[in-house]
Amino acid sequence: MIDMNKQKMPTGFSPFIWALAIFCLPILLWPLALLISPNLLKNPSLTDLQTMLMSIFFWVYPFILGISARILYLIHQRNAQQGKALLILSAVIFYGILGYVATVGFRVA
């Protein structure tokens, strides 16, 4: 017997899925982030707390991006507009933090 309530499988990628994939693209740079994170210790203008928080950011950002991508996907399935808005907000927040870490953390005084 055929189940009429069975959901259809997607046949292609929607623009939201492409945006989500681009949002998660920095996960591929995680090994590079692990290699350059010790260079934060060479910046004398950073406090110990700033150095520790920036190093933690480099170690955990792939997990944060992956978990947030899954949550955003589930939200998008329920409410497409809210999912798009939260994806944009998440991207702005992530890239803002990444920009701050890159400009402040690796600036040699």
N, C-alpha and C. Protein backbone atom coordinates (compact mmCIF):
# COMPACT_ATOMS: atom_id res chain seq x y z
N MET A 1 0.82 -1.18 0.00
CA MET A 1 0.00 0.00 0.00
C MET A 1 0.87 1.26 0.00
N ILE A 2 0.47 2.25 -0.73
CA ILE A 2 1.23 3.49 -0.81
C ILE A 2 0.78 4.44 0.29
N ASP A 3 1.75 4.99 0.98
CA ASP A 3 1.46 5.94 2.06
C ASP A 3 1.30 7.34 1.45
N MET A 4 0.11 7.91 1.54
CA MET A 4 -0.17 9.22 0.96
C MET A 4 0.45 10.37 1.77
N ASN A 5 0.80 10.12 3.01
CA ASN A 5 1.36 11.17 3.85
C ASN A 5 2.88 11.27 3.72
N LYS A 6 3.43 10.44 2.86
CA LYS A 6 4.88 10.43 2.69
C LYS A 6 5.34 11.74 2.07
N GLN A 7 6.39 12.32 2.64
CA GLN A 7 6.91 13.58 2.12
C GLN A 7 7.71 13.32 0.86
N LYS A 8 7.66 14.28 -0.05
CA LYS A 8 8.44 14.17 -1.27
C LYS A 8 9.90 14.51 -0.99
N MET A 9 10.77 13.83 -1.65
CA MET A 9 12.20 14.13 -1.55
C MET A 9 12.51 15.32 -2.45
N PRO A 10 13.38 16.21 -1.99
CA PRO A 10 13.72 17.35 -2.83
C PRO A 10 14.47 16.90 -4.08
N THR A 11 14.23 17.59 -5.17
CA THR A 11 14.86 17.23 -6.44
C THR A 11 16.02 18.15 -6.78
N GLY A 12 16.19 19.24 -6.05
CA GLY A 12 17.28 20.17 -6.33
C GLY A 12 17.56 21.01 -5.09
N PHE A 13 18.44 21.95 -5.26
CA PHE A 13 18.81 22.83 -4.16
C PHE A 13 18.08 24.15 -4.29
N SER A 14 17.48 24.58 -3.21
CA SER A 14 16.80 25.87 -3.19
C SER A 14 17.82 26.97 -2.91
N PRO A 15 17.47 28.21 -3.18
CA PRO A 15 18.38 29.31 -2.86
C PRO A 15 18.75 29.36 -1.36
N PHE A 16 17.81 28.97 -0.50
CA PHE A 16 18.11 28.95 0.94
C PHE A 16 19.19 27.92 1.25
N ILE A 17 19.12 26.76 0.63
CA ILE A 17 20.12 25.71 0.87
C ILE A 17 21.48 26.16 0.37
N TRP A 18 21.52 26.85 -0.77
CA TRP A 18 22.80 27.38 -1.25
C TRP A 18 23.35 28.41 -0.28
N ALA A 19 22.49 29.29 0.23
CA ALA A 19 22.93 30.29 1.20
C ALA A 19 23.44 29.62 2.48
N LEU A 20 22.77 28.58 2.90
CA LEU A 20 23.20 27.84 4.08
C LEU A 20 24.57 27.18 3.85
N ALA A 21 24.77 26.65 2.65
CA ALA A 21 26.06 26.04 2.32
C ALA A 21 27.18 27.09 2.32
N ILE A 22 26.90 28.26 1.79
CA ILE A 22 27.90 29.33 1.79
C ILE A 22 28.17 29.80 3.21
N PHE A 23 27.13 29.84 4.04
CA PHE A 23 27.28 30.20 5.45
C PHE A 23 28.22 29.22 6.16
N CYS A 24 28.16 27.95 5.79
CA CYS A 24 28.98 26.92 6.45
C CYS A 24 30.34 26.72 5.78
N LEU A 25 30.62 27.42 4.70
CA LEU A 25 31.88 27.26 3.98
C LEU A 25 33.13 27.45 4.85
N PRO A 26 33.15 28.37 5.82
CA PRO A 26 34.36 28.52 6.65
C PRO A 26 34.73 27.28 7.46
N ILE A 27 33.84 26.31 7.55
CA ILE A 27 34.18 25.06 8.25
C ILE A 27 35.37 24.39 7.57
N LEU A 28 35.48 24.56 6.26
CA LEU A 28 36.59 23.95 5.52
C LEU A 28 37.93 24.57 5.90
N LEU A 29 37.93 25.76 6.47
CA LEU A 29 39.16 26.43 6.87
C LEU A 29 39.57 26.15 8.31
N TRP A 30 38.88 25.22 8.96
CA TRP A 30 39.16 24.94 10.36
C TRP A 30 40.61 24.51 10.60
N PRO A 31 41.20 23.63 9.78
CA PRO A 31 42.61 23.28 10.04
C PRO A 31 43.54 24.50 9.98
N LEU A 32 43.26 25.42 9.06
CA LEU A 32 44.07 26.64 9.00
C LEU A 32 43.89 27.48 10.26
N ALA A 33 42.67 27.56 10.75
CA ALA A 33 42.40 28.32 11.97
C ALA A 33 43.15 27.72 13.16
N LEU A 34 43.24 26.41 13.20
CA LEU A 34 43.97 25.76 14.29
C LEU A 34 45.47 26.03 14.19
N LEU A 35 45.97 26.16 12.97
CA LEU A 35 47.39 26.45 12.80
C LEU A 35 47.75 27.89 13.16
N ILE A 36 46.84 28.82 12.88
CA ILE A 36 47.18 30.22 13.14
C ILE A 36 46.76 30.71 14.52
N SER A 37 45.95 29.94 15.24
CA SER A 37 45.50 30.40 16.55
C SER A 37 46.64 30.60 17.56
N PRO A 38 47.74 29.85 17.52
CA PRO A 38 48.84 30.16 18.46
C PRO A 38 49.49 31.53 18.21
N ASN A 39 49.30 32.08 17.02
CA ASN A 39 49.86 33.40 16.73
C ASN A 39 49.17 34.51 17.53
N LEU A 40 48.02 34.22 18.09
CA LEU A 40 47.34 35.20 18.93
C LEU A 40 48.18 35.52 20.17
N LEU A 41 48.96 34.54 20.62
CA LEU A 41 49.81 34.75 21.81
C LEU A 41 50.93 35.75 21.54
N LYS A 42 51.25 35.96 20.28
CA LYS A 42 52.34 36.87 19.92
C LYS A 42 51.91 38.33 19.93
N ASN A 43 50.62 38.58 20.09
CA ASN A 43 50.12 39.96 20.08
C ASN A 43 50.19 40.51 21.51
N PRO A 44 51.09 41.45 21.78
CA PRO A 44 51.25 41.95 23.15
C PRO A 44 50.12 42.88 23.60
N SER A 45 49.34 43.38 22.66
CA SER A 45 48.28 44.31 23.05
C SER A 45 47.01 43.61 23.53
N LEU A 46 46.95 42.30 23.39
CA LEU A 46 45.77 41.55 23.83
C LEU A 46 45.92 41.15 25.30
N THR A 47 44.80 41.22 26.01
CA THR A 47 44.79 40.72 27.37
C THR A 47 44.71 39.19 27.34
N ASP A 48 44.93 38.57 28.47
CA ASP A 48 44.83 37.11 28.54
C ASP A 48 43.42 36.64 28.22
N LEU A 49 42.42 37.39 28.69
CA LEU A 49 41.03 37.02 28.42
C LEU A 49 40.73 37.10 26.92
N GLN A 50 41.17 38.16 26.25
CA GLN A 50 40.93 38.29 24.82
C GLN A 50 41.61 37.16 24.05
N THR A 51 42.84 36.85 24.42
CA THR A 51 43.56 35.77 23.74
C THR A 51 42.84 34.44 23.93
N MET A 52 42.39 34.17 25.14
CA MET A 52 41.69 32.92 25.42
C MET A 52 40.38 32.84 24.64
N LEU A 53 39.59 33.93 24.64
CA LEU A 53 38.30 33.91 23.94
C LEU A 53 38.48 33.77 22.43
N MET A 54 39.48 34.43 21.87
CA MET A 54 39.73 34.31 20.43
C MET A 54 40.21 32.91 20.07
N SER A 55 41.03 32.32 20.91
CA SER A 55 41.48 30.95 20.66
C SER A 55 40.31 29.97 20.74
N ILE A 56 39.45 30.16 21.72
CA ILE A 56 38.27 29.31 21.85
C ILE A 56 37.39 29.45 20.62
N PHE A 57 37.23 30.69 20.12
CA PHE A 57 36.43 30.91 18.91
C PHE A 57 37.00 30.10 17.76
N PHE A 58 38.32 30.11 17.56
CA PHE A 58 38.92 29.35 16.47
C PHE A 58 38.72 27.85 16.62
N TRP A 59 38.64 27.36 17.84
CA TRP A 59 38.48 25.93 18.06
C TRP A 59 37.03 25.47 17.92
N VAL A 60 36.06 26.31 18.27
CA VAL A 60 34.67 25.83 18.31
C VAL A 60 33.78 26.35 17.18
N TYR A 61 34.26 27.27 16.35
CA TYR A 61 33.35 27.84 15.36
C TYR A 61 32.76 26.83 14.38
N PRO A 62 33.46 25.75 13.98
CA PRO A 62 32.80 24.80 13.08
C PRO A 62 31.59 24.13 13.72
N PHE A 63 31.68 23.84 15.00
CA PHE A 63 30.55 23.22 15.68
C PHE A 63 29.38 24.19 15.79
N ILE A 64 29.69 25.45 16.08
CA ILE A 64 28.65 26.47 16.17
C ILE A 64 27.97 26.65 14.82
N LEU A 65 28.76 26.71 13.75
CA LEU A 65 28.17 26.86 12.41
C LEU A 65 27.33 25.65 12.04
N GLY A 66 27.82 24.46 12.32
CA GLY A 66 27.07 23.25 11.97
C GLY A 66 25.76 23.13 12.73
N ILE A 67 25.80 23.39 14.02
CA ILE A 67 24.58 23.30 14.83
C ILE A 67 23.60 24.39 14.43
N SER A 68 24.10 25.61 14.22
CA SER A 68 23.19 26.69 13.83
C SER A 68 22.61 26.45 12.44
N ALA A 69 23.39 25.85 11.53
CA ALA A 69 22.86 25.53 10.20
C ALA A 69 21.72 24.53 10.30
N ARG A 70 21.87 23.54 11.15
CA ARG A 70 20.79 22.56 11.32
C ARG A 70 19.54 23.20 11.90
N ILE A 71 19.72 24.05 12.90
CA ILE A 71 18.58 24.74 13.52
C ILE A 71 17.92 25.66 12.51
N LEU A 72 18.73 26.39 11.72
CA LEU A 72 18.16 27.29 10.71
C LEU A 72 17.40 26.52 9.65
N TYR A 73 17.90 25.35 9.28
CA TYR A 73 17.19 24.53 8.29
C TYR A 73 15.84 24.08 8.83
N LEU A 74 15.81 23.66 10.08
CA LEU A 74 14.53 23.24 10.68
C LEU A 74 13.55 24.41 10.79
N ILE A 75 14.07 25.58 11.15
CA ILE A 75 13.20 26.76 11.22
C ILE A 75 12.68 27.11 9.83
N HIS A 76 13.54 27.00 8.82
CA HIS A 76 13.12 27.31 7.45
C HIS A 76 12.04 26.37 6.96
N GLN A 77 12.07 25.12 7.38
CA GLN A 77 11.02 24.18 7.00
C GLN A 77 9.67 24.59 7.57
N ARG A 78 9.67 25.16 8.76
CA ARG A 78 8.42 25.56 9.41
C ARG A 78 7.94 26.94 8.95
N ASN A 79 8.90 27.87 8.82
CA ASN A 79 8.58 29.24 8.46
C ASN A 79 9.72 29.78 7.61
N ALA A 80 9.51 29.85 6.30
CA ALA A 80 10.58 30.21 5.37
C ALA A 80 11.11 31.62 5.60
N GLN A 81 10.23 32.57 5.82
CA GLN A 81 10.67 33.96 5.99
C GLN A 81 11.51 34.11 7.26
N GLN A 82 11.08 33.49 8.33
CA GLN A 82 11.84 33.58 9.58
C GLN A 82 13.20 32.88 9.42
N GLY A 83 13.24 31.78 8.71
CA GLY A 83 14.50 31.10 8.47
C GLY A 83 15.48 31.95 7.69
N LYS A 84 14.98 32.64 6.66
CA LYS A 84 15.85 33.53 5.87
C LYS A 84 16.37 34.67 6.72
N ALA A 85 15.49 35.28 7.52
CA ALA A 85 15.90 36.41 8.35
C ALA A 85 16.94 35.97 9.38
N LEU A 86 16.73 34.82 9.99
CA LEU A 86 17.70 34.33 10.99
C LEU A 86 19.02 33.92 10.36
N LEU A 87 18.98 33.41 9.11
CA LEU A 87 20.22 33.08 8.41
C LEU A 87 21.03 34.35 8.14
N ILE A 88 20.36 35.40 7.70
CA ILE A 88 21.06 36.67 7.46
C ILE A 88 21.63 37.21 8.76
N LEU A 89 20.84 37.18 9.82
CA LEU A 89 21.32 37.66 11.12
C LEU A 89 22.51 36.83 11.61
N SER A 90 22.43 35.53 11.47
CA SER A 90 23.52 34.65 11.90
C SER A 90 24.79 34.91 11.11
N ALA A 91 24.64 35.13 9.80
CA ALA A 91 25.82 35.41 8.97
C ALA A 91 26.46 36.73 9.36
N VAL A 92 25.65 37.75 9.62
CA VAL A 92 26.19 39.05 10.02
C VAL A 92 26.93 38.93 11.35
N ILE A 93 26.34 38.22 12.30
CA ILE A 93 26.98 38.05 13.61
C ILE A 93 28.28 37.26 13.48
N PHE A 94 28.25 36.13 12.76
CA PHE A 94 29.45 35.31 12.63
C PHE A 94 30.57 36.06 11.94
N TYR A 95 30.26 36.68 10.79
CA TYR A 95 31.32 37.37 10.06
C TYR A 95 31.77 38.64 10.78
N GLY A 96 30.92 39.23 11.58
CA GLY A 96 31.33 40.35 12.42
C GLY A 96 32.35 39.91 13.47
N ILE A 97 32.06 38.79 14.13
CA ILE A 97 33.00 38.26 15.13
C ILE A 97 34.30 37.83 14.45
N LEU A 98 34.20 37.18 13.29
CA LEU A 98 35.39 36.75 12.57
C LEU A 98 36.23 37.96 12.14
N GLY A 99 35.58 39.01 11.69
CA GLY A 99 36.31 40.22 11.31
C GLY A 99 37.00 40.86 12.50
N TYR A 100 36.31 40.88 13.64
CA TYR A 100 36.91 41.43 14.86
C TYR A 100 38.14 40.62 15.28
N VAL A 101 38.03 39.31 15.27
CA VAL A 101 39.14 38.45 15.67
C VAL A 101 40.31 38.64 14.70
N ALA A 102 40.02 38.74 13.41
CA ALA A 102 41.08 38.88 12.42
C ALA A 102 41.77 40.23 12.53
N THR A 103 41.01 41.30 12.72
CA THR A 103 41.65 42.62 12.74
C THR A 103 42.31 42.93 14.07
N VAL A 104 41.68 42.56 15.17
CA VAL A 104 42.26 42.86 16.48
C VAL A 104 43.26 41.80 16.92
N GLY A 105 42.96 40.56 16.67
CA GLY A 105 43.80 39.48 17.15
C GLY A 105 45.14 39.37 16.47
N PHE A 106 45.20 39.69 15.20
CA PHE A 106 46.45 39.52 14.46
C PHE A 106 47.14 40.84 14.15
N ARG A 107 46.68 41.91 14.75
CA ARG A 107 47.35 43.20 14.59
C ARG A 107 48.56 43.22 15.51
N VAL A 108 49.70 43.46 14.95
CA VAL A 108 50.92 43.52 15.75
C VAL A 108 51.20 44.98 16.04
N ALA A 109 51.25 45.28 17.33
CA ALA A 109 51.46 46.68 17.75
C ALA A 109 52.92 47.04 17.76
